[in-house]
Amino acid sequence: MTKTISFDLRDYLENNYPKLTLDEIDLIASDLHRRWDYSPLIKQVKSKVEETAYYANIKLQCESITNLEEDVGDDIEEGFVHSSEGC
């Protein structure tokens, strides 16, 4: 079962800024789509996943643990570093 969160920029612009021309809407929507930073959304989703799992007594395991020592040499004292991105 796939669950998707989608947001239609064009629809949003048309409904909230009715005086924009179609060219203006396309320009704004294209620029937003191209340069959008998804980091805050990912953090919100991660937080909600953890909250829901906690209340449902589901233990989450993150599989994106990376041994950064191999990548950057001896700069890191601990071999394993947890990266929350993508978890």
PDB file of N, CA and C in Angstrom:
ATOM      1  N   MET A   1       0.851  -1.171   0.000  1.00  0.00           N
ATOM      2  CA  MET A   1       0.000   0.000   0.000  1.00  0.00           C
ATOM      3  C   MET A   1       0.903   1.242   0.000  1.00  0.00           C
ATOM      4  N   THR A   2       0.770   2.074  -0.996  1.00  0.00           N
ATOM      5  CA  THR A   2       1.563   3.290  -1.109  1.00  0.00           C
ATOM      6  C   THR A   2       0.772   4.473  -0.573  1.00  0.00           C
ATOM      7  N   LYS A   3       1.437   5.255   0.242  1.00  0.00           N
ATOM      8  CA  LYS A   3       0.846   6.501   0.761  1.00  0.00           C
ATOM      9  C   LYS A   3       1.738   7.645   0.317  1.00  0.00           C
ATOM     10  N   THR A   4       1.158   8.626  -0.311  1.00  0.00           N
ATOM     11  CA  THR A   4       1.913   9.747  -0.845  1.00  0.00           C
ATOM     12  C   THR A   4       1.365  11.052  -0.309  1.00  0.00           C
ATOM     13  N   ILE A   5       2.272  11.964   0.002  1.00  0.00           N
ATOM     14  CA  ILE A   5       1.890  13.330   0.354  1.00  0.00           C
ATOM     15  C   ILE A   5       2.248  14.183  -0.850  1.00  0.00           C
ATOM     16  N   SER A   6       1.258  14.802  -1.446  1.00  0.00           N
ATOM     17  CA  SER A   6       1.544  15.637  -2.607  1.00  0.00           C
ATOM     18  C   SER A   6       0.924  17.015  -2.435  1.00  0.00           C
ATOM     19  N   PHE A   7       1.532  17.962  -3.096  1.00  0.00           N
ATOM     20  CA  PHE A   7       1.075  19.343  -3.018  1.00  0.00           C
ATOM     21  C   PHE A   7       1.161  19.918  -4.420  1.00  0.00           C
ATOM     22  N   ASP A   8       0.045  20.344  -4.951  1.00  0.00           N
ATOM     23  CA  ASP A   8      -0.009  20.875  -6.305  1.00  0.00           C
ATOM     24  C   ASP A   8       0.247  22.380  -6.264  1.00  0.00           C
ATOM     25  N   LEU A   9       1.459  22.773  -6.656  1.00  0.00           N
ATOM     26  CA  LEU A   9       1.833  24.188  -6.616  1.00  0.00           C
ATOM     27  C   LEU A   9       0.945  25.037  -7.525  1.00  0.00           C
ATOM     28  N   ARG A  10       0.688  24.534  -8.704  1.00  0.00           N
ATOM     29  CA  ARG A  10      -0.129  25.291  -9.651  1.00  0.00           C
ATOM     30  C   ARG A  10      -1.539  25.524  -9.095  1.00  0.00           C
ATOM     31  N   ASP A  11      -2.131  24.492  -8.548  1.00  0.00           N
ATOM     32  CA  ASP A  11      -3.463  24.599  -7.962  1.00  0.00           C
ATOM     33  C   ASP A  11      -3.455  25.596  -6.799  1.00  0.00           C
ATOM     34  N   TYR A  12      -2.448  25.504  -5.957  1.00  0.00           N
ATOM     35  CA  TYR A  12      -2.321  26.431  -4.827  1.00  0.00           C
ATOM     36  C   TYR A  12      -2.236  27.876  -5.318  1.00  0.00           C
ATOM     37  N   LEU A  13      -1.394  28.119  -6.303  1.00  0.00           N
ATOM     38  CA  LEU A  13      -1.225  29.477  -6.819  1.00  0.00           C
ATOM     39  C   LEU A  13      -2.502  29.993  -7.476  1.00  0.00           C
ATOM     40  N   GLU A  14      -3.157  29.133  -8.245  1.00  0.00           N
ATOM     41  CA  GLU A  14      -4.398  29.545  -8.903  1.00  0.00           C
ATOM     42  C   GLU A  14      -5.479  29.920  -7.885  1.00  0.00           C
ATOM     43  N   ASN A  15      -5.582  29.147  -6.820  1.00  0.00           N
ATOM     44  CA  ASN A  15      -6.617  29.396  -5.823  1.00  0.00           C
ATOM     45  C   ASN A  15      -6.312  30.560  -4.887  1.00  0.00           C
ATOM     46  N   ASN A  16      -5.053  30.757  -4.570  1.00  0.00           N
ATOM     47  CA  ASN A  16      -4.684  31.786  -3.603  1.00  0.00           C
ATOM     48  C   ASN A  16      -4.261  33.107  -4.228  1.00  0.00           C
ATOM     49  N   TYR A  17      -3.915  33.090  -5.497  1.00  0.00           N
ATOM     50  CA  TYR A  17      -3.512  34.302  -6.206  1.00  0.00           C
ATOM     51  C   TYR A  17      -4.223  34.341  -7.563  1.00  0.00           C
ATOM     52  N   PRO A  18      -5.530  34.554  -7.545  1.00  0.00           N
ATOM     53  CA  PRO A  18      -6.323  34.447  -8.776  1.00  0.00           C
ATOM     54  C   PRO A  18      -5.963  35.466  -9.858  1.00  0.00           C
ATOM     55  N   LYS A  19      -5.259  36.520  -9.514  1.00  0.00           N
ATOM     56  CA  LYS A  19      -4.907  37.529 -10.517  1.00  0.00           C
ATOM     57  C   LYS A  19      -3.622  37.211 -11.274  1.00  0.00           C
ATOM     58  N   LEU A  20      -2.933  36.147 -10.884  1.00  0.00           N
ATOM     59  CA  LEU A  20      -1.724  35.758 -11.613  1.00  0.00           C
ATOM     60  C   LEU A  20      -2.101  35.203 -12.984  1.00  0.00           C
ATOM     61  N   THR A  21      -1.263  35.498 -13.960  1.00  0.00           N
ATOM     62  CA  THR A  21      -1.469  34.916 -15.292  1.00  0.00           C
ATOM     63  C   THR A  21      -0.952  33.478 -15.276  1.00  0.00           C
ATOM     64  N   LEU A  22      -1.323  32.712 -16.286  1.00  0.00           N
ATOM     65  CA  LEU A  22      -0.829  31.341 -16.383  1.00  0.00           C
ATOM     66  C   LEU A  22       0.688  31.298 -16.512  1.00  0.00           C
ATOM     67  N   ASP A  23       1.261  32.265 -17.248  1.00  0.00           N
ATOM     68  CA  ASP A  23       2.716  32.324 -17.378  1.00  0.00           C
ATOM     69  C   ASP A  23       3.382  32.612 -16.031  1.00  0.00           C
ATOM     70  N   GLU A  24       2.796  33.508 -15.244  1.00  0.00           N
ATOM     71  CA  GLU A  24       3.340  33.825 -13.927  1.00  0.00           C
ATOM     72  C   GLU A  24       3.241  32.614 -12.995  1.00  0.00           C
ATOM     73  N   ILE A  25       2.112  31.926 -13.052  1.00  0.00           N
ATOM     74  CA  ILE A  25       1.916  30.728 -12.242  1.00  0.00           C
ATOM     75  C   ILE A  25       2.949  29.666 -12.619  1.00  0.00           C
ATOM     76  N   ASP A  26       3.134  29.443 -13.917  1.00  0.00           N
ATOM     77  CA  ASP A  26       4.106  28.448 -14.369  1.00  0.00           C
ATOM     78  C   ASP A  26       5.522  28.818 -13.950  1.00  0.00           C
ATOM     79  N   LEU A  27       5.867  30.101 -14.041  1.00  0.00           N
ATOM     80  CA  LEU A  27       7.197  30.556 -13.654  1.00  0.00           C
ATOM     81  C   LEU A  27       7.440  30.318 -12.165  1.00  0.00           C
ATOM     82  N   ILE A  28       6.504  30.736 -11.332  1.00  0.00           N
ATOM     83  CA  ILE A  28       6.645  30.584  -9.886  1.00  0.00           C
ATOM     84  C   ILE A  28       6.666  29.101  -9.503  1.00  0.00           C
ATOM     85  N   ALA A  29       5.735  28.338 -10.031  1.00  0.00           N
ATOM     86  CA  ALA A  29       5.659  26.907  -9.700  1.00  0.00           C
ATOM     87  C   ALA A  29       6.920  26.165 -10.140  1.00  0.00           C
ATOM     88  N   SER A  30       7.417  26.484 -11.316  1.00  0.00           N
ATOM     89  CA  SER A  30       8.634  25.829 -11.813  1.00  0.00           C
ATOM     90  C   SER A  30       9.828  26.163 -10.934  1.00  0.00           C
ATOM     91  N   ASP A  31       9.951  27.426 -10.560  1.00  0.00           N
ATOM     92  CA  ASP A  31      11.077  27.835  -9.730  1.00  0.00           C
ATOM     93  C   ASP A  31      11.007  27.185  -8.349  1.00  0.00           C
ATOM     94  N   LEU A  32       9.816  27.179  -7.746  1.00  0.00           N
ATOM     95  CA  LEU A  32       9.662  26.543  -6.437  1.00  0.00           C
ATOM     96  C   LEU A  32       9.968  25.056  -6.513  1.00  0.00           C
ATOM     97  N   HIS A  33       9.469  24.413  -7.530  1.00  0.00           N
ATOM     98  CA  HIS A  33       9.693  22.984  -7.694  1.00  0.00           C
ATOM     99  C   HIS A  33      11.184  22.672  -7.844  1.00  0.00           C
ATOM    100  N   ARG A  34      11.878  23.474  -8.611  1.00  0.00           N
ATOM    101  CA  ARG A  34      13.293  23.259  -8.888  1.00  0.00           C
ATOM    102  C   ARG A  34      14.169  23.515  -7.663  1.00  0.00           C
ATOM    103  N   ARG A  35      13.825  24.512  -6.843  1.00  0.00           N
ATOM    104  CA  ARG A  35      14.706  24.915  -5.747  1.00  0.00           C
ATOM    105  C   ARG A  35      14.192  24.571  -4.350  1.00  0.00           C
ATOM    106  N   TRP A  36      13.142  23.775  -4.244  1.00  0.00           N
ATOM    107  CA  TRP A  36      12.524  23.496  -2.947  1.00  0.00           C
ATOM    108  C   TRP A  36      13.467  22.698  -2.046  1.00  0.00           C
ATOM    109  N   ASP A  37      13.548  23.092  -0.775  1.00  0.00           N
ATOM    110  CA  ASP A  37      14.343  22.388   0.223  1.00  0.00           C
ATOM    111  C   ASP A  37      13.408  21.466   1.005  1.00  0.00           C
ATOM    112  N   TYR A  38      13.586  20.170   0.843  1.00  0.00           N
ATOM    113  CA  TYR A  38      12.712  19.189   1.480  1.00  0.00           C
ATOM    114  C   TYR A  38      13.138  18.842   2.910  1.00  0.00           C
ATOM    115  N   SER A  39      14.250  19.396   3.388  1.00  0.00           N
ATOM    116  CA  SER A  39      14.760  19.058   4.720  1.00  0.00           C
ATOM    117  C   SER A  39      13.734  19.248   5.834  1.00  0.00           C
ATOM    118  N   PRO A  40      13.039  20.406   5.918  1.00  0.00           N
ATOM    119  CA  PRO A  40      12.050  20.555   6.994  1.00  0.00           C
ATOM    120  C   PRO A  40      10.920  19.523   6.912  1.00  0.00           C
ATOM    121  N   LEU A  41      10.478  19.200   5.720  1.00  0.00           N
ATOM    122  CA  LEU A  41       9.419  18.209   5.548  1.00  0.00           C
ATOM    123  C   LEU A  41       9.899  16.830   6.004  1.00  0.00           C
ATOM    124  N   ILE A  42      11.116  16.482   5.635  1.00  0.00           N
ATOM    125  CA  ILE A  42      11.677  15.191   6.027  1.00  0.00           C
ATOM    126  C   ILE A  42      11.786  15.102   7.546  1.00  0.00           C
ATOM    127  N   LYS A  43      12.211  16.194   8.182  1.00  0.00           N
ATOM    128  CA  LYS A  43      12.316  16.211   9.647  1.00  0.00           C
ATOM    129  C   LYS A  43      10.943  16.061  10.293  1.00  0.00           C
ATOM    130  N   GLN A  44       9.927  16.713   9.725  1.00  0.00           N
ATOM    131  CA  GLN A  44       8.571  16.594  10.270  1.00  0.00           C
ATOM    132  C   GLN A  44       8.044  15.177  10.117  1.00  0.00           C
ATOM    133  N   VAL A  45       8.264  14.582   8.967  1.00  0.00           N
ATOM    134  CA  VAL A  45       7.810  13.208   8.740  1.00  0.00           C
ATOM    135  C   VAL A  45       8.526  12.266   9.699  1.00  0.00           C
ATOM    136  N   LYS A  46       9.837  12.436   9.853  1.00  0.00           N
ATOM    137  CA  LYS A  46      10.614  11.597  10.773  1.00  0.00           C
ATOM    138  C   LYS A  46      10.066  11.704  12.191  1.00  0.00           C
ATOM    139  N   SER A  47       9.781  12.920  12.624  1.00  0.00           N
ATOM    140  CA  SER A  47       9.252  13.147  13.968  1.00  0.00           C
ATOM    141  C   SER A  47       7.908  12.450  14.159  1.00  0.00           C
ATOM    142  N   LYS A  48       7.029  12.576  13.173  1.00  0.00           N
ATOM    143  CA  LYS A  48       5.710  11.943  13.259  1.00  0.00           C
ATOM    144  C   LYS A  48       5.813  10.415  13.214  1.00  0.00           C
ATOM    145  N   VAL A  49       6.743   9.894  12.415  1.00  0.00           N
ATOM    146  CA  VAL A  49       6.951   8.444  12.363  1.00  0.00           C
ATOM    147  C   VAL A  49       7.385   7.943  13.731  1.00  0.00           C
ATOM    148  N   GLU A  50       8.356   8.639  14.330  1.00  0.00           N
ATOM    149  CA  GLU A  50       8.850   8.231  15.646  1.00  0.00           C
ATOM    150  C   GLU A  50       7.754   8.337  16.706  1.00  0.00           C
ATOM    151  N   GLU A  51       6.957   9.395  16.649  1.00  0.00           N
ATOM    152  CA  GLU A  51       5.862   9.576  17.607  1.00  0.00           C
ATOM    153  C   GLU A  51       4.831   8.459  17.469  1.00  0.00           C
ATOM    154  N   THR A  52       4.431   8.180  16.253  1.00  0.00           N
ATOM    155  CA  THR A  52       3.436   7.139  16.006  1.00  0.00           C
ATOM    156  C   THR A  52       3.968   5.771  16.427  1.00  0.00           C
ATOM    157  N   ALA A  53       5.215   5.486  16.081  1.00  0.00           N
ATOM    158  CA  ALA A  53       5.808   4.205  16.461  1.00  0.00           C
ATOM    159  C   ALA A  53       5.889   4.070  17.977  1.00  0.00           C
ATOM    160  N   TYR A  54       6.236   5.140  18.658  1.00  0.00           N
ATOM    161  CA  TYR A  54       6.323   5.111  20.114  1.00  0.00           C
ATOM    162  C   TYR A  54       4.979   4.733  20.732  1.00  0.00           C
ATOM    163  N   TYR A  55       3.914   5.422  20.307  1.00  0.00           N
ATOM    164  CA  TYR A  55       2.595   5.157  20.873  1.00  0.00           C
ATOM    165  C   TYR A  55       2.034   3.797  20.453  1.00  0.00           C
ATOM    166  N   ALA A  56       2.521   3.253  19.351  1.00  0.00           N
ATOM    167  CA  ALA A  56       2.067   1.937  18.895  1.00  0.00           C
ATOM    168  C   ALA A  56       2.994   0.823  19.372  1.00  0.00           C
ATOM    169  N   ASN A  57       3.973   1.184  20.206  1.00  0.00           N
ATOM    170  CA  ASN A  57       4.960   0.218  20.714  1.00  0.00           C
ATOM    171  C   ASN A  57       5.696  -0.500  19.588  1.00  0.00           C
ATOM    172  N   ILE A  58       6.088   0.255  18.581  1.00  0.00           N
ATOM    173  CA  ILE A  58       6.859  -0.280  17.460  1.00  0.00           C
ATOM    174  C   ILE A  58       8.294   0.200  17.609  1.00  0.00           C
ATOM    175  N   LYS A  59       9.224  -0.745  17.609  1.00  0.00           N
ATOM    176  CA  LYS A  59      10.640  -0.393  17.722  1.00  0.00           C
ATOM    177  C   LYS A  59      11.176  -0.086  16.326  1.00  0.00           C
ATOM    178  N   LEU A  60      11.702   1.105  16.162  1.00  0.00           N
ATOM    179  CA  LEU A  60      12.261   1.508  14.873  1.00  0.00           C
ATOM    180  C   LEU A  60      13.748   1.201  14.845  1.00  0.00           C
ATOM    181  N   GLN A  61      14.205   0.701  13.721  1.00  0.00           N
ATOM    182  CA  GLN A  61      15.621   0.459  13.525  1.00  0.00           C
ATOM    183  C   GLN A  61      16.065   1.183  12.280  1.00  0.00           C
ATOM    184  N   CYS A  62      17.081   2.011  12.418  1.00  0.00           N
ATOM    185  CA  CYS A  62      17.604   2.757  11.281  1.00  0.00           C
ATOM    186  C   CYS A  62      18.734   1.956  10.659  1.00  0.00           C
ATOM    187  N   GLU A  63      18.678   1.770   9.353  1.00  0.00           N
ATOM    188  CA  GLU A  63      19.703   0.984   8.680  1.00  0.00           C
ATOM    189  C   GLU A  63      20.687   1.842   7.907  1.00  0.00           C
ATOM    190  N   SER A  64      20.679   3.148   8.122  1.00  0.00           N
ATOM    191  CA  SER A  64      21.615   3.998   7.390  1.00  0.00           C
ATOM    192  C   SER A  64      22.793   4.398   8.265  1.00  0.00           C
ATOM    193  N   ILE A  65      23.300   3.466   9.061  1.00  0.00           N
ATOM    194  CA  ILE A  65      24.497   3.720   9.857  1.00  0.00           C
ATOM    195  C   ILE A  65      25.695   3.535   8.938  1.00  0.00           C
ATOM    196  N   THR A  66      26.559   4.547   8.907  1.00  0.00           N
ATOM    197  CA  THR A  66      27.680   4.554   7.987  1.00  0.00           C
ATOM    198  C   THR A  66      28.982   4.607   8.761  1.00  0.00           C
ATOM    199  N   ASN A  67      29.953   3.855   8.333  1.00  0.00           N
ATOM    200  CA  ASN A  67      31.275   3.923   8.923  1.00  0.00           C
ATOM    201  C   ASN A  67      32.022   5.047   8.225  1.00  0.00           C
ATOM    202  N   LEU A  68      31.971   6.237   8.795  1.00  0.00           N
ATOM    203  CA  LEU A  68      32.586   7.406   8.174  1.00  0.00           C
ATOM    204  C   LEU A  68      34.100   7.367   8.251  1.00  0.00           C
ATOM    205  N   GLU A  69      34.671   6.551   9.126  1.00  0.00           N
ATOM    206  CA  GLU A  69      36.117   6.470   9.264  1.00  0.00           C
ATOM    207  C   GLU A  69      36.746   6.031   7.950  1.00  0.00           C
ATOM    208  N   GLU A  70      36.079   5.160   7.212  1.00  0.00           N
ATOM    209  CA  GLU A  70      36.594   4.706   5.936  1.00  0.00           C
ATOM    210  C   GLU A  70      36.627   5.847   4.925  1.00  0.00           C
ATOM    211  N   ASP A  71      35.633   6.761   5.014  1.00  0.00           N
ATOM    212  CA  ASP A  71      35.523   7.832   4.031  1.00  0.00           C
ATOM    213  C   ASP A  71      36.444   9.010   4.320  1.00  0.00           C
ATOM    214  N   VAL A  72      36.624   9.371   5.587  1.00  0.00           N
ATOM    215  CA  VAL A  72      37.367  10.587   5.905  1.00  0.00           C
ATOM    216  C   VAL A  72      38.670  10.326   6.646  1.00  0.00           C
ATOM    217  N   GLY A  73      39.049   9.093   6.825  1.00  0.00           N
ATOM    218  CA  GLY A  73      40.320   8.787   7.463  1.00  0.00           C
ATOM    219  C   GLY A  73      40.236   8.802   8.967  1.00  0.00           C
ATOM    220  N   ASP A  74      41.325   9.220   9.608  1.00  0.00           N
ATOM    221  CA  ASP A  74      41.438   9.162  11.066  1.00  0.00           C
ATOM    222  C   ASP A  74      40.867  10.383  11.764  1.00  0.00           C
ATOM    223  N   ASP A  75      40.141  11.262  11.073  1.00  0.00           N
ATOM    224  CA  ASP A  75      39.586  12.456  11.690  1.00  0.00           C
ATOM    225  C   ASP A  75      38.481  12.137  12.689  1.00  0.00           C
ATOM    226  N   ILE A  76      37.847  10.982  12.552  1.00  0.00           N
ATOM    227  CA  ILE A  76      36.734  10.617  13.419  1.00  0.00           C
ATOM    228  C   ILE A  76      37.206   9.530  14.368  1.00  0.00           C
ATOM    229  N   GLU A  77      37.054   9.776  15.674  1.00  0.00           N
ATOM    230  CA  GLU A  77      37.510   8.813  16.660  1.00  0.00           C
ATOM    231  C   GLU A  77      36.593   7.606  16.727  1.00  0.00           C
ATOM    232  N   GLU A  78      35.270   7.807  16.666  1.00  0.00           N
ATOM    233  CA  GLU A  78      34.326   6.708  16.702  1.00  0.00           C
ATOM    234  C   GLU A  78      34.078   6.245  15.277  1.00  0.00           C
ATOM    235  N   GLY A  79      34.151   4.942  15.073  1.00  0.00           N
ATOM    236  CA  GLY A  79      34.017   4.400  13.729  1.00  0.00           C
ATOM    237  C   GLY A  79      32.633   4.531  13.155  1.00  0.00           C
ATOM    238  N   PHE A  80      31.593   4.360  13.964  1.00  0.00           N
ATOM    239  CA  PHE A  80      30.236   4.391  13.447  1.00  0.00           C
ATOM    240  C   PHE A  80      29.540   5.678  13.877  1.00  0.00           C
ATOM    241  N   VAL A  81      28.931   6.338  12.921  1.00  0.00           N
ATOM    242  CA  VAL A  81      28.196   7.566  13.180  1.00  0.00           C
ATOM    243  C   VAL A  81      26.800   7.390  12.653  1.00  0.00           C
ATOM    244  N   HIS A  82      25.815   7.745  13.458  1.00  0.00           N
ATOM    245  CA  HIS A  82      24.423   7.617  13.036  1.00  0.00           C
ATOM    246  C   HIS A  82      24.029   8.830  12.225  1.00  0.00           C
ATOM    247  N   SER A  83      23.515   8.585  11.063  1.00  0.00           N
ATOM    248  CA  SER A  83      23.004   9.649  10.217  1.00  0.00           C
ATOM    249  C   SER A  83      21.489   9.532  10.206  1.00  0.00           C
ATOM    250  N   SER A  84      20.775  10.560  10.673  1.00  0.00           N
ATOM    251  CA  SER A  84      19.325  10.465  10.757  1.00  0.00           C
ATOM    252  C   SER A  84      18.645  10.681   9.419  1.00  0.00           C
ATOM    253  N   GLU A  85      19.391  11.175   8.434  1.00  0.00           N
ATOM    254  CA  GLU A  85      18.770  11.431   7.142  1.00  0.00           C
ATOM    255  C   GLU A  85      18.377  10.110   6.503  1.00  0.00           C
ATOM    256  N   GLY A  86      17.143  10.016   6.125  1.00  0.00           N
ATOM    257  CA  GLY A  86      16.643   8.827   5.467  1.00  0.00           C
ATOM    258  C   GLY A  86      16.160   7.752   6.409  1.00  0.00           C
ATOM    259  N   CYS A  87      16.210   8.014   7.692  1.00  0.00           N
ATOM    260  CA  CYS A  87      15.757   7.023   8.667  1.00  0.00           C
ATOM    261  C   CYS A  87      14.301   7.180   8.944  1.00  0.00           C
TER     262      CYS A  87
END
